[in-house]
Amino acid sequence: VGQDQFFKAITSITEHLAGRALDAELEAYLHE
């Protein structure tokens, strides 16, 4: 695995987790 591929994988995982966290916050906000 090249460093570029590794970096892209980390970025995509980070974005995925950030997206899920954002969804959860939105969900909580809407249900208040």
Protein backbone atom coordinates (compact mmCIF):
# COMPACT_ATOMS: atom_id res chain seq x y z
CA VAL A 1 0.00 0.00 0.00
CA GLY A 2 1.44 3.36 -1.02
CA GLN A 3 1.44 6.31 1.35
CA ASP A 4 -1.06 8.13 -0.88
CA GLN A 5 -3.52 5.23 -0.71
CA PHE A 6 -3.09 5.02 3.05
CA PHE A 7 -3.77 8.76 3.40
CA LYS A 8 -6.91 8.49 1.26
CA ALA A 9 -8.17 5.62 3.42
CA ILE A 10 -7.62 7.61 6.62
CA THR A 11 -9.36 10.63 5.11
CA SER A 12 -12.37 8.63 4.00
CA ILE A 13 -12.70 6.92 7.40
CA THR A 14 -12.43 10.29 9.16
CA GLU A 15 -15.06 11.84 6.90
CA HIS A 16 -17.33 8.84 7.45
CA LEU A 17 -17.04 9.10 11.24
CA ALA A 18 -17.50 12.87 11.16
CA GLY A 19 -20.57 12.43 8.99
CA ARG A 20 -22.07 9.92 11.43
CA ALA A 21 -21.37 12.19 14.40
CA LEU A 22 -23.03 15.07 12.56
CA ASP A 23 -26.07 12.92 11.75
CA ALA A 24 -26.39 11.94 15.42
CA GLU A 25 -26.22 15.58 16.54
CA LEU A 26 -28.81 16.62 13.97
CA GLU A 27 -31.02 13.75 15.05
CA ALA A 28 -30.76 14.79 18.72
CA TYR A 29 -31.39 18.44 17.84
CA LEU A 30 -34.52 17.62 15.85
CA HIS A 31 -35.96 15.46 18.64
CA GLU A 32 -35.62 18.09 21.38
